[in-house]
Amino acid sequence: MKLDHRIREAETRLFARSGLRPEESFLDLASAKVRLRVLSVGAGTPLLMLHGVTLAAAVWATWLTEFAGYRALLVELPGHGLSGPVAYRPGSVRDHTLGLMDSIFDALGLATAPVVGHSLGGMFALWYAAARPERIASLAAIGDPAVALPGATVRMPLSLLTVPVLSEAVLRAPAPRRVYRELLGQGLSPAAAAGAPAELVDVLRLSARRKGNARTVASLMHAIDGFRRPRADSVMTDGELRRITAPTMFCWGTDDPFLAPASARPAIAKIPGAVLHEVPGGHGPWLDDPAGCAKLVTGHLAATGFPAS
């Protein structure tokens, strides 16, 4: 509880920097056997936002001032932030994710909604869009969507998280802010990590140390990835990509370390009507260029029937 209190304190200070006061709620999802935390920010058109692996709802904080007129619903995925844990197993992540997403939409009272997803959140959204075309009405995928598309690689520091036992120890090891910022730079970009507010770094490094979070992320990474390559059932087939009917836009950093945007183009071309925008930055391009990425996302949302209100 002391750790959770420190996470909340850092998060409160982080959102206050932008003049924001999120509303917190919890979703008890019986079918998915997990309790998820959701932060709601702003008012207007509902917008579901799904973060990447080892991140949390707080990672969107500095971006949300660009989304006036939207009610951003920041879901903390299982084993992230202050959400509850899940034990993932190889071969079962897809099915669990479909049930999880069904439960999230139902619990939030959303028959359909636009979604912004980064990395792991983008992968979950793409899997879901292919399987439940009626629920995601518009999709903006930020950065390489984890290992959903062919060609993605598993690189350091994520490679360490695929190794059982070692991964949990790595995640739970106390890391000073400076060290964690360097690790964050390897996963996102050095510039994004250097510019990240100290409060955000604190939320992320403290959240990673929660016992349930470390176990969940360790089991997830082992379930979807090998040490260097994703497991085959994590990667979407051509047929699955063609089944995505939601208007889809990719905002992809030119220096994304996990998959170059040019290498992703053949797979993206199989999604009907999908658009790829290459932008300066790494795996978290909205942290490198908040205004530029927000313009692309809000433009896509407006053009697909979900303008700010």
C-alpha atoms as a PDB file:
ATOM      1  CA  MET A   1       0.000   0.000   0.000  1.00  0.00           C
ATOM      2  CA  LYS A   2       2.894   2.358   0.679  1.00  0.00           C
ATOM      3  CA  LEU A   3       4.106   1.789  -2.895  1.00  0.00           C
ATOM      4  CA  ASP A   4       0.618   2.452  -4.283  1.00  0.00           C
ATOM      5  CA  HIS A   5       0.453   5.684  -2.305  1.00  0.00           C
ATOM      6  CA  ARG A   6       3.743   6.867  -3.783  1.00  0.00           C
ATOM      7  CA  ILE A   7       2.471   6.019  -7.281  1.00  0.00           C
ATOM      8  CA  ARG A   8      -0.724   8.018  -6.719  1.00  0.00           C
ATOM      9  CA  GLU A   9       1.187  10.992  -5.354  1.00  0.00           C
ATOM     10  CA  ALA A  10       3.512  11.115  -8.371  1.00  0.00           C
ATOM     11  CA  GLU A  11       0.572  10.674 -10.741  1.00  0.00           C
ATOM     12  CA  THR A  12      -1.403  13.490  -9.113  1.00  0.00           C
ATOM     13  CA  ARG A  13       1.557  15.845  -9.449  1.00  0.00           C
ATOM     14  CA  LEU A  14       2.031  14.797 -13.079  1.00  0.00           C
ATOM     15  CA  PHE A  15      -1.548  15.526 -14.148  1.00  0.00           C
ATOM     16  CA  ALA A  16      -1.547  18.766 -12.147  1.00  0.00           C
ATOM     17  CA  ARG A  17       1.313  20.030 -14.343  1.00  0.00           C
ATOM     18  CA  SER A  18      -1.244  20.162 -17.185  1.00  0.00           C
ATOM     19  CA  GLY A  19      -4.076  21.436 -14.999  1.00  0.00           C
ATOM     20  CA  LEU A  20      -5.868  18.070 -15.120  1.00  0.00           C
ATOM     21  CA  ARG A  21      -7.687  16.172 -12.381  1.00  0.00           C
ATOM     22  CA  PRO A  22      -8.616  12.671 -13.568  1.00  0.00           C
ATOM     23  CA  GLU A  23     -11.597  10.800 -12.176  1.00  0.00           C
ATOM     24  CA  GLU A  24     -10.674   7.306 -11.004  1.00  0.00           C
ATOM     25  CA  SER A  25     -12.883   4.234 -11.268  1.00  0.00           C
ATOM     26  CA  PHE A  26     -12.407   0.479 -11.198  1.00  0.00           C
ATOM     27  CA  LEU A  27     -13.946  -2.164 -13.440  1.00  0.00           C
ATOM     28  CA  ASP A  28     -14.458  -5.557 -11.815  1.00  0.00           C
ATOM     29  CA  LEU A  29     -14.452  -7.820 -14.857  1.00  0.00           C
ATOM     30  CA  ALA A  30     -15.657 -11.224 -13.709  1.00  0.00           C
ATOM     31  CA  SER A  31     -15.304 -12.971 -17.065  1.00  0.00           C
ATOM     32  CA  ALA A  32     -11.707 -11.768 -17.508  1.00  0.00           C
ATOM     33  CA  LYS A  33     -10.998 -12.376 -13.792  1.00  0.00           C
ATOM     34  CA  VAL A  34      -9.316  -9.030 -13.277  1.00  0.00           C
ATOM     35  CA  ARG A  35      -9.945  -5.607 -11.743  1.00  0.00           C
ATOM     36  CA  LEU A  36      -8.922  -2.757 -14.003  1.00  0.00           C
ATOM     37  CA  ARG A  37      -8.357   0.873 -13.129  1.00  0.00           C
ATOM     38  CA  VAL A  38      -9.635   3.585 -15.469  1.00  0.00           C
ATOM     39  CA  LEU A  39      -8.881   7.302 -15.352  1.00  0.00           C
ATOM     40  CA  SER A  40     -11.359   9.614 -17.067  1.00  0.00           C
ATOM     41  CA  VAL A  41     -10.132  13.020 -18.235  1.00  0.00           C
ATOM     42  CA  GLY A  42     -12.114  15.754 -19.961  1.00  0.00           C
ATOM     43  CA  ALA A  43     -15.619  15.829 -21.406  1.00  0.00           C
ATOM     44  CA  GLY A  44     -17.082  15.181 -24.824  1.00  0.00           C
ATOM     45  CA  THR A  45     -16.710  12.346 -27.320  1.00  0.00           C
ATOM     46  CA  PRO A  46     -15.602   9.133 -25.529  1.00  0.00           C
ATOM     47  CA  LEU A  47     -12.119   8.017 -26.572  1.00  0.00           C
ATOM     48  CA  LEU A  48     -10.649   4.761 -25.269  1.00  0.00           C
ATOM     49  CA  MET A  49      -6.859   4.930 -24.821  1.00  0.00           C
ATOM     50  CA  LEU A  50      -4.695   1.820 -24.310  1.00  0.00           C
ATOM     51  CA  HIS A  51      -1.038   2.175 -23.245  1.00  0.00           C
ATOM     52  CA  GLY A  52       1.983   0.027 -24.057  1.00  0.00           C
ATOM     53  CA  VAL A  53       3.757  -2.663 -22.051  1.00  0.00           C
ATOM     54  CA  THR A  54       5.362  -1.570 -18.725  1.00  0.00           C
ATOM     55  CA  LEU A  55       3.611   1.811 -19.057  1.00  0.00           C
ATOM     56  CA  ALA A  56       0.451   3.137 -17.375  1.00  0.00           C
ATOM     57  CA  ALA A  57      -2.396   5.610 -17.803  1.00  0.00           C
ATOM     58  CA  ALA A  58      -0.042   8.365 -16.682  1.00  0.00           C
ATOM     59  CA  VAL A  59       1.948   8.074 -19.917  1.00  0.00           C
ATOM     60  CA  TRP A  60      -0.846   9.988 -21.708  1.00  0.00           C
ATOM     61  CA  ALA A  61      -0.920  12.837 -19.179  1.00  0.00           C
ATOM     62  CA  THR A  62       1.207  15.391 -20.997  1.00  0.00           C
ATOM     63  CA  TRP A  63      -0.647  14.739 -24.278  1.00  0.00           C
ATOM     64  CA  LEU A  64      -4.222  15.187 -23.117  1.00  0.00           C
ATOM     65  CA  THR A  65      -4.311  18.973 -23.391  1.00  0.00           C
ATOM     66  CA  GLU A  66      -4.287  18.362 -27.171  1.00  0.00           C
ATOM     67  CA  PHE A  67      -7.605  16.465 -26.901  1.00  0.00           C
ATOM     68  CA  ALA A  68     -10.072  19.124 -25.766  1.00  0.00           C
ATOM     69  CA  GLY A  69     -13.598  18.013 -26.559  1.00  0.00           C
ATOM     70  CA  TYR A  70     -12.915  14.342 -25.847  1.00  0.00           C
ATOM     71  CA  ARG A  71     -13.577  12.280 -22.731  1.00  0.00           C
ATOM     72  CA  ALA A  72     -10.373  10.283 -22.607  1.00  0.00           C
ATOM     73  CA  LEU A  73     -10.857   6.912 -20.906  1.00  0.00           C
ATOM     74  CA  LEU A  74      -7.376   5.818 -19.872  1.00  0.00           C
ATOM     75  CA  VAL A  75      -7.497   2.088 -19.206  1.00  0.00           C
ATOM     76  CA  GLU A  76      -4.666   0.516 -17.241  1.00  0.00           C
ATOM     77  CA  LEU A  77      -4.190  -2.933 -18.696  1.00  0.00           C
ATOM     78  CA  PRO A  78      -3.807  -5.982 -16.420  1.00  0.00           C
ATOM     79  CA  GLY A  79      -0.651  -5.846 -14.331  1.00  0.00           C
ATOM     80  CA  HIS A  80       0.025  -2.205 -15.161  1.00  0.00           C
ATOM     81  CA  GLY A  81      -0.376   0.915 -13.050  1.00  0.00           C
ATOM     82  CA  LEU A  82      -2.819   0.125 -10.248  1.00  0.00           C
ATOM     83  CA  SER A  83      -4.809  -2.534 -12.118  1.00  0.00           C
ATOM     84  CA  GLY A  84      -4.989  -6.110 -10.906  1.00  0.00           C
ATOM     85  CA  PRO A  85      -2.800  -9.010 -12.065  1.00  0.00           C
ATOM     86  CA  VAL A  86      -3.367 -11.739 -14.627  1.00  0.00           C
ATOM     87  CA  ALA A  87      -1.387 -14.936 -15.251  1.00  0.00           C
ATOM     88  CA  TYR A  88      -0.872 -15.227 -19.009  1.00  0.00           C
ATOM     89  CA  ARG A  89       0.023 -18.520 -20.697  1.00  0.00           C
ATOM     90  CA  PRO A  90       1.459 -19.149 -24.173  1.00  0.00           C
ATOM     91  CA  GLY A  91      -1.329 -19.772 -26.644  1.00  0.00           C
ATOM     92  CA  SER A  92      -4.027 -18.119 -24.515  1.00  0.00           C
ATOM     93  CA  VAL A  93      -3.270 -14.384 -24.746  1.00  0.00           C
ATOM     94  CA  ARG A  94      -5.429 -13.724 -27.798  1.00  0.00           C
ATOM     95  CA  ASP A  95      -8.533 -15.347 -26.343  1.00  0.00           C
ATOM     96  CA  HIS A  96      -8.045 -13.589 -23.021  1.00  0.00           C
ATOM     97  CA  THR A  97      -7.604 -10.255 -24.782  1.00  0.00           C
ATOM     98  CA  LEU A  98     -10.828 -10.627 -26.782  1.00  0.00           C
ATOM     99  CA  GLY A  99     -12.761 -11.375 -23.605  1.00  0.00           C
ATOM    100  CA  LEU A 100     -10.993  -8.554 -21.782  1.00  0.00           C
ATOM    101  CA  MET A 101     -11.853  -6.034 -24.490  1.00  0.00           C
ATOM    102  CA  ASP A 102     -15.470  -7.224 -24.615  1.00  0.00           C
ATOM    103  CA  SER A 103     -15.696  -6.703 -20.864  1.00  0.00           C
ATOM    104  CA  ILE A 104     -14.073  -3.251 -20.990  1.00  0.00           C
ATOM    105  CA  PHE A 105     -16.482  -1.989 -23.648  1.00  0.00           C
ATOM    106  CA  ASP A 106     -19.479  -3.472 -21.799  1.00  0.00           C
ATOM    107  CA  ALA A 107     -18.438  -2.160 -18.378  1.00  0.00           C
ATOM    108  CA  LEU A 108     -17.904   1.345 -19.774  1.00  0.00           C
ATOM    109  CA  GLY A 109     -21.276   1.244 -21.512  1.00  0.00           C
ATOM    110  CA  LEU A 110     -19.738   1.551 -24.975  1.00  0.00           C
ATOM    111  CA  ALA A 111     -21.474  -0.310 -27.776  1.00  0.00           C
ATOM    112  CA  THR A 112     -18.780   1.046 -30.059  1.00  0.00           C
ATOM    113  CA  ALA A 113     -16.016   3.635 -29.659  1.00  0.00           C
ATOM    114  CA  PRO A 114     -12.871   5.090 -31.223  1.00  0.00           C
ATOM    115  CA  VAL A 115      -9.619   3.732 -29.804  1.00  0.00           C
ATOM    116  CA  VAL A 116      -6.074   5.052 -29.526  1.00  0.00           C
ATOM    117  CA  GLY A 117      -3.559   2.315 -28.761  1.00  0.00           C
ATOM    118  CA  HIS A 118       0.200   2.397 -28.279  1.00  0.00           C
ATOM    119  CA  SER A 119       2.431  -0.657 -28.732  1.00  0.00           C
ATOM    120  CA  LEU A 120       0.804  -3.444 -26.667  1.00  0.00           C
ATOM    121  CA  GLY A 121      -2.421  -1.423 -26.592  1.00  0.00           C
ATOM    122  CA  GLY A 122      -2.256  -1.100 -30.373  1.00  0.00           C
ATOM    123  CA  MET A 123      -1.763  -4.856 -30.752  1.00  0.00           C
ATOM    124  CA  PHE A 124      -4.713  -5.614 -28.489  1.00  0.00           C
ATOM    125  CA  ALA A 125      -6.836  -3.146 -30.498  1.00  0.00           C
ATOM    126  CA  LEU A 126      -5.824  -4.653 -33.861  1.00  0.00           C
ATOM    127  CA  TRP A 127      -6.537  -8.186 -32.653  1.00  0.00           C
ATOM    128  CA  TYR A 128      -9.910  -6.996 -31.391  1.00  0.00           C
ATOM    129  CA  ALA A 129     -10.772  -5.021 -34.526  1.00  0.00           C
ATOM    130  CA  ALA A 130     -10.203  -8.133 -36.645  1.00  0.00           C
ATOM    131  CA  ALA A 131     -12.355 -10.311 -34.383  1.00  0.00           C
ATOM    132  CA  ARG A 132     -15.085  -7.812 -33.380  1.00  0.00           C
ATOM    133  CA  PRO A 133     -15.436  -5.395 -36.308  1.00  0.00           C
ATOM    134  CA  GLU A 134     -18.538  -3.778 -34.864  1.00  0.00           C
ATOM    135  CA  ARG A 135     -16.962  -2.491 -31.648  1.00  0.00           C
ATOM    136  CA  ILE A 136     -13.918  -0.428 -32.618  1.00  0.00           C
ATOM    137  CA  ALA A 137     -15.342   2.359 -34.747  1.00  0.00           C
ATOM    138  CA  SER A 138     -12.064   4.129 -35.511  1.00  0.00           C
ATOM    139  CA  LEU A 139      -8.498   3.190 -34.619  1.00  0.00           C
ATOM    140  CA  ALA A 140      -5.309   5.205 -34.235  1.00  0.00           C
ATOM    141  CA  ALA A 141      -2.291   2.965 -33.609  1.00  0.00           C
ATOM    142  CA  ILE A 142       0.695   4.839 -32.198  1.00  0.00           C
ATOM    143  CA  GLY A 143       4.119   3.330 -32.831  1.00  0.00           C
ATOM    144  CA  ASP A 144       4.805  -0.267 -33.785  1.00  0.00           C
ATOM    145  CA  PRO A 145       1.843  -2.256 -32.377  1.00  0.00           C
ATOM    146  CA  ALA A 146       4.075  -4.645 -30.406  1.00  0.00           C
ATOM    147  CA  VAL A 147       4.374  -7.872 -32.426  1.00  0.00           C
ATOM    148  CA  ALA A 148       1.021  -7.775 -34.226  1.00  0.00           C
ATOM    149  CA  LEU A 149       2.570  -7.139 -37.646  1.00  0.00           C
ATOM    150  CA  PRO A 150       5.094  -9.374 -39.434  1.00  0.00           C
ATOM    151  CA  GLY A 151       8.719  -8.346 -39.107  1.00  0.00           C
ATOM    152  CA  ALA A 152       8.691  -6.928 -35.575  1.00  0.00           C
ATOM    153  CA  THR A 153      11.691  -7.858 -33.462  1.00  0.00           C
ATOM    154  CA  VAL A 154      12.079  -8.354 -29.720  1.00  0.00           C
ATOM    155  CA  ARG A 155      14.967  -6.139 -28.653  1.00  0.00           C
ATOM    156  CA  MET A 156      16.605  -5.065 -25.436  1.00  0.00           C
ATOM    157  CA  PRO A 157      15.428  -4.254 -22.848  1.00  0.00           C
ATOM    158  CA  LEU A 158      12.267  -6.221 -23.712  1.00  0.00           C
ATOM    159  CA  SER A 159      14.261  -9.377 -24.522  1.00  0.00           C
ATOM    160  CA  LEU A 160      15.099  -9.791 -20.845  1.00  0.00           C
ATOM    161  CA  LEU A 161      11.404  -9.732 -19.983  1.00  0.00           C
ATOM    162  CA  THR A 162      10.749 -12.887 -22.037  1.00  0.00           C
ATOM    163  CA  VAL A 163      12.933 -15.027 -19.744  1.00  0.00           C
ATOM    164  CA  PRO A 164      10.990 -16.654 -16.860  1.00  0.00           C
ATOM    165  CA  VAL A 165      12.194 -15.793 -13.327  1.00  0.00           C
ATOM    166  CA  LEU A 166      14.785 -13.309 -14.623  1.00  0.00           C
ATOM    167  CA  SER A 167      12.069 -11.047 -16.025  1.00  0.00           C
ATOM    168  CA  GLU A 168      10.246 -10.685 -12.724  1.00  0.00           C
ATOM    169  CA  ALA A 169      13.497  -9.992 -10.891  1.00  0.00           C
ATOM    170  CA  VAL A 170      14.432  -7.310 -13.420  1.00  0.00           C
ATOM    171  CA  LEU A 171      11.058  -5.616 -13.137  1.00  0.00           C
ATOM    172  CA  ARG A 172      10.985  -5.617  -9.334  1.00  0.00           C
ATOM    173  CA  ALA A 173      14.553  -4.443  -8.855  1.00  0.00           C
ATOM    174  CA  PRO A 174      14.580  -0.917  -7.384  1.00  0.00           C
ATOM    175  CA  ALA A 175      15.834   1.442 -10.081  1.00  0.00           C
ATOM    176  CA  PRO A 176      16.839   5.035  -9.380  1.00  0.00           C
ATOM    177  CA  ARG A 177      15.096   7.598 -11.542  1.00  0.00           C
ATOM    178  CA  ARG A 178      18.239   8.150 -13.668  1.00  0.00           C
ATOM    179  CA  VAL A 179      18.663   4.440 -14.425  1.00  0.00           C
ATOM    180  CA  TYR A 180      14.988   3.943 -15.238  1.00  0.00           C
ATOM    181  CA  ARG A 181      15.034   6.953 -17.543  1.00  0.00           C
ATOM    182  CA  GLU A 182      17.910   5.335 -19.482  1.00  0.00           C
ATOM    183  CA  LEU A 183      15.936   2.090 -19.819  1.00  0.00           C
ATOM    184  CA  LEU A 184      12.901   4.045 -20.953  1.00  0.00           C
ATOM    185  CA  GLY A 185      15.067   5.670 -23.602  1.00  0.00           C
ATOM    186  CA  GLN A 186      15.952   2.249 -25.023  1.00  0.00           C
ATOM    187  CA  GLY A 187      12.294   1.333 -25.354  1.00  0.00           C
ATOM    188  CA  LEU A 188      10.908   4.671 -26.580  1.00  0.00           C
ATOM    189  CA  SER A 189      13.632   7.075 -27.690  1.00  0.00           C
ATOM    190  CA  PRO A 190      16.454   8.856 -25.850  1.00  0.00           C
ATOM    191  CA  ALA A 191      14.817  12.228 -26.530  1.00  0.00           C
ATOM    192  CA  ALA A 192      11.394  11.105 -25.264  1.00  0.00           C
ATOM    193  CA  ALA A 193      12.921   9.669 -22.100  1.00  0.00           C
ATOM    194  CA  ALA A 194      15.077  12.732 -21.489  1.00  0.00           C
ATOM    195  CA  GLY A 195      12.046  14.992 -21.811  1.00  0.00           C
ATOM    196  CA  ALA A 196       9.725  12.861 -19.683  1.00  0.00           C
ATOM    197  CA  PRO A 197       8.683  14.630 -16.455  1.00  0.00           C
ATOM    198  CA  ALA A 198      10.252  13.200 -13.320  1.00  0.00           C
ATOM    199  CA  GLU A 199       6.750  12.418 -12.016  1.00  0.00           C
ATOM    200  CA  LEU A 200       6.036  10.185 -15.016  1.00  0.00           C
ATOM    201  CA  VAL A 201       9.313   8.321 -14.586  1.00  0.00           C
ATOM    202  CA  ASP A 202       8.420   7.793 -10.928  1.00  0.00           C
ATOM    203  CA  VAL A 203       4.957   6.428 -11.734  1.00  0.00           C
ATOM    204  CA  LEU A 204       6.421   3.935 -14.191  1.00  0.00           C
ATOM    205  CA  ARG A 205       9.405   2.769 -12.155  1.00  0.00           C
ATOM    206  CA  LEU A 206       7.337   2.365  -8.986  1.00  0.00           C
ATOM    207  CA  SER A 207       4.479   0.619 -10.807  1.00  0.00           C
ATOM    208  CA  ALA A 208       6.896  -1.928 -12.274  1.00  0.00           C
ATOM    209  CA  ARG A 209       7.904  -2.935  -8.739  1.00  0.00           C
ATOM    210  CA  ARG A 210       4.387  -3.976  -7.691  1.00  0.00           C
ATOM    211  CA  LYS A 211       4.485  -7.748  -7.201  1.00  0.00           C
ATOM    212  CA  GLY A 212       1.351  -8.441  -9.257  1.00  0.00           C
ATOM    213  CA  ASN A 213       2.527  -6.161 -12.039  1.00  0.00           C
ATOM    214  CA  ALA A 214       5.926  -7.800 -12.333  1.00  0.00           C
ATOM    215  CA  ARG A 215       4.393 -11.274 -12.460  1.00  0.00           C
ATOM    216  CA  THR A 216       1.803 -10.230 -15.037  1.00  0.00           C
ATOM    217  CA  VAL A 217       4.261  -8.501 -17.371  1.00  0.00           C
ATOM    218  CA  ALA A 218       6.726 -11.379 -17.054  1.00  0.00           C
ATOM    219  CA  SER A 219       4.041 -13.923 -17.940  1.00  0.00           C
ATOM    220  CA  LEU A 220       2.748 -11.742 -20.787  1.00  0.00           C
ATOM    221  CA  MET A 221       6.149 -11.246 -22.402  1.00  0.00           C
ATOM    222  CA  HIS A 222       6.951 -14.952 -22.167  1.00  0.00           C
ATOM    223  CA  ALA A 223       3.531 -15.804 -23.611  1.00  0.00           C
ATOM    224  CA  ILE A 224       3.708 -13.554 -26.681  1.00  0.00           C
ATOM    225  CA  ASP A 225       7.446 -13.524 -27.426  1.00  0.00           C
ATOM    226  CA  GLY A 226      10.542 -15.617 -27.670  1.00  0.00           C
ATOM    227  CA  PHE A 227      13.864 -14.074 -26.713  1.00  0.00           C
ATOM    228  CA  ARG A 228      14.368 -12.459 -30.129  1.00  0.00           C
ATOM    229  CA  ARG A 229      11.236 -13.200 -32.118  1.00  0.00           C
ATOM    230  CA  PRO A 230       7.511 -13.100 -31.395  1.00  0.00           C
ATOM    231  CA  ARG A 231       5.607 -16.329 -31.042  1.00  0.00           C
ATOM    232  CA  ALA A 232       3.803 -17.189 -34.267  1.00  0.00           C
ATOM    233  CA  ASP A 233       0.310 -16.914 -32.774  1.00  0.00           C
ATOM    234  CA  SER A 234       0.982 -13.295 -31.740  1.00  0.00           C
ATOM    235  CA  VAL A 235       1.493 -12.158 -35.335  1.00  0.00           C
ATOM    236  CA  MET A 236      -1.586 -11.370 -37.415  1.00  0.00           C
ATOM    237  CA  THR A 237      -2.137 -13.250 -40.654  1.00  0.00           C
ATOM    238  CA  ASP A 238      -2.976 -11.609 -43.976  1.00  0.00           C
ATOM    239  CA  GLY A 239      -6.544 -12.821 -43.585  1.00  0.00           C
ATOM    240  CA  GLU A 240      -6.898 -11.252 -40.151  1.00  0.00           C
ATOM    241  CA  LEU A 241      -5.524  -7.941 -41.378  1.00  0.00           C
ATOM    242  CA  ARG A 242      -8.027  -7.938 -44.244  1.00  0.00           C
ATOM    243  CA  ARG A 243     -10.868  -8.454 -41.762  1.00  0.00           C
ATOM    244  CA  ILE A 244     -10.200  -5.111 -40.050  1.00  0.00           C
ATOM    245  CA  THR A 245     -12.982  -2.793 -41.201  1.00  0.00           C
ATOM    246  CA  ALA A 246     -12.473   0.019 -38.686  1.00  0.00           C
ATOM    247  CA  PRO A 247     -10.891   3.094 -40.303  1.00  0.00           C
ATOM    248  CA  THR A 248      -7.283   2.687 -39.188  1.00  0.00           C
ATOM    249  CA  MET A 249      -4.426   5.176 -39.021  1.00  0.00           C
ATOM    250  CA  PHE A 250      -0.857   4.452 -37.937  1.00  0.00           C
ATOM    251  CA  CYS A 251       1.299   7.222 -36.451  1.00  0.00           C
ATOM    252  CA  TRP A 252       4.768   5.668 -36.579  1.00  0.00           C
ATOM    253  CA  GLY A 253       8.146   7.071 -35.554  1.00  0.00           C
ATOM    254  CA  THR A 254      10.804   6.882 -38.247  1.00  0.00           C
ATOM    255  CA  ASP A 255      13.289   5.613 -35.655  1.00  0.00           C
ATOM    256  CA  ASP A 256      11.042   3.009 -34.009  1.00  0.00           C
ATOM    257  CA  PRO A 257      13.543   0.374 -32.798  1.00  0.00           C
ATOM    258  CA  PHE A 258      11.184  -2.599 -33.045  1.00  0.00           C
ATOM    259  CA  LEU A 259       9.955  -2.266 -36.638  1.00  0.00           C
ATOM    260  CA  ALA A 260      10.746   0.400 -39.214  1.00  0.00           C
ATOM    261  CA  PRO A 261       7.640   1.970 -40.777  1.00  0.00           C
ATOM    262  CA  ALA A 262       8.852   1.100 -44.285  1.00  0.00           C
ATOM    263  CA  SER A 263       9.018  -2.571 -43.258  1.00  0.00           C
ATOM    264  CA  ALA A 264       5.466  -2.398 -41.920  1.00  0.00           C
ATOM    265  CA  ARG A 265       3.935  -0.968 -45.100  1.00  0.00           C
ATOM    266  CA  PRO A 266       3.251  -4.321 -46.838  1.00  0.00           C
ATOM    267  CA  ALA A 267       1.222  -5.564 -43.842  1.00  0.00           C
ATOM    268  CA  ILE A 268      -0.592  -2.250 -43.358  1.00  0.00           C
ATOM    269  CA  ALA A 269      -1.541  -2.281 -47.053  1.00  0.00           C
ATOM    270  CA  LYS A 270      -3.598  -5.410 -46.363  1.00  0.00           C
ATOM    271  CA  ILE A 271      -5.880  -3.474 -43.954  1.00  0.00           C
ATOM    272  CA  PRO A 272      -8.633  -1.942 -46.108  1.00  0.00           C
ATOM    273  CA  GLY A 273      -8.169   1.820 -46.298  1.00  0.00           C
ATOM    274  CA  ALA A 274      -5.459   1.959 -43.623  1.00  0.00           C
ATOM    275  CA  VAL A 275      -3.111   4.962 -43.651  1.00  0.00           C
ATOM    276  CA  LEU A 276       0.476   5.119 -42.375  1.00  0.00           C
ATOM    277  CA  HIS A 277       1.974   8.434 -41.298  1.00  0.00           C
ATOM    278  CA  GLU A 278       5.707   8.442 -40.650  1.00  0.00           C
ATOM    279  CA  VAL A 279       6.664  11.038 -38.051  1.00  0.00           C
ATOM    280  CA  PRO A 280       9.928  12.079 -36.383  1.00  0.00           C
ATOM    281  CA  GLY A 281      10.630  10.092 -33.228  1.00  0.00           C
ATOM    282  CA  GLY A 282      10.925   6.612 -31.829  1.00  0.00           C
ATOM    283  CA  HIS A 283       8.510   4.070 -30.368  1.00  0.00           C
ATOM    284  CA  GLY A 284       6.531   6.721 -28.467  1.00  0.00           C
ATOM    285  CA  PRO A 285       6.296   9.479 -31.099  1.00  0.00           C
ATOM    286  CA  TRP A 286       3.645  11.486 -29.229  1.00  0.00           C
ATOM    287  CA  LEU A 287       6.263  12.109 -26.554  1.00  0.00           C
ATOM    288  CA  ASP A 288       8.689  13.396 -29.199  1.00  0.00           C
ATOM    289  CA  ASP A 289       6.116  15.576 -31.021  1.00  0.00           C
ATOM    290  CA  PRO A 290       2.897  15.944 -28.986  1.00  0.00           C
ATOM    291  CA  ALA A 291       1.217  18.572 -31.177  1.00  0.00           C
ATOM    292  CA  GLY A 292       2.112  16.927 -34.487  1.00  0.00           C
ATOM    293  CA  CYS A 293       0.910  13.470 -33.441  1.00  0.00           C
ATOM    294  CA  ALA A 294      -2.248  14.898 -31.852  1.00  0.00           C
ATOM    295  CA  LYS A 295      -3.091  16.695 -35.099  1.00  0.00           C
ATOM    296  CA  LEU A 296      -2.872  13.407 -36.984  1.00  0.00           C
ATOM    297  CA  VAL A 297      -4.980  11.528 -34.427  1.00  0.00           C
ATOM    298  CA  THR A 298      -7.708  14.153 -33.977  1.00  0.00           C
ATOM    299  CA  GLY A 299      -7.817  14.683 -37.755  1.00  0.00           C
ATOM    300  CA  HIS A 300      -8.325  10.947 -38.259  1.00  0.00           C
ATOM    301  CA  LEU A 301     -11.004  10.822 -35.565  1.00  0.00           C
ATOM    302  CA  ALA A 302     -12.888  13.772 -37.039  1.00  0.00           C
ATOM    303  CA  ALA A 303     -12.673  12.389 -40.568  1.00  0.00           C
ATOM    304  CA  THR A 304     -14.087   9.053 -39.424  1.00  0.00           C
ATOM    305  CA  GLY A 305     -17.093  10.488 -37.595  1.00  0.00           C
ATOM    306  CA  PHE A 306     -15.689  11.278 -34.142  1.00  0.00           C
ATOM    307  CA  PRO A 307     -14.906  14.981 -33.945  1.00  0.00           C
ATOM    308  CA  ALA A 308     -14.306  16.736 -30.637  1.00  0.00           C
ATOM    309  CA  SER A 309     -17.528  17.947 -29.029  1.00  0.00           C
END
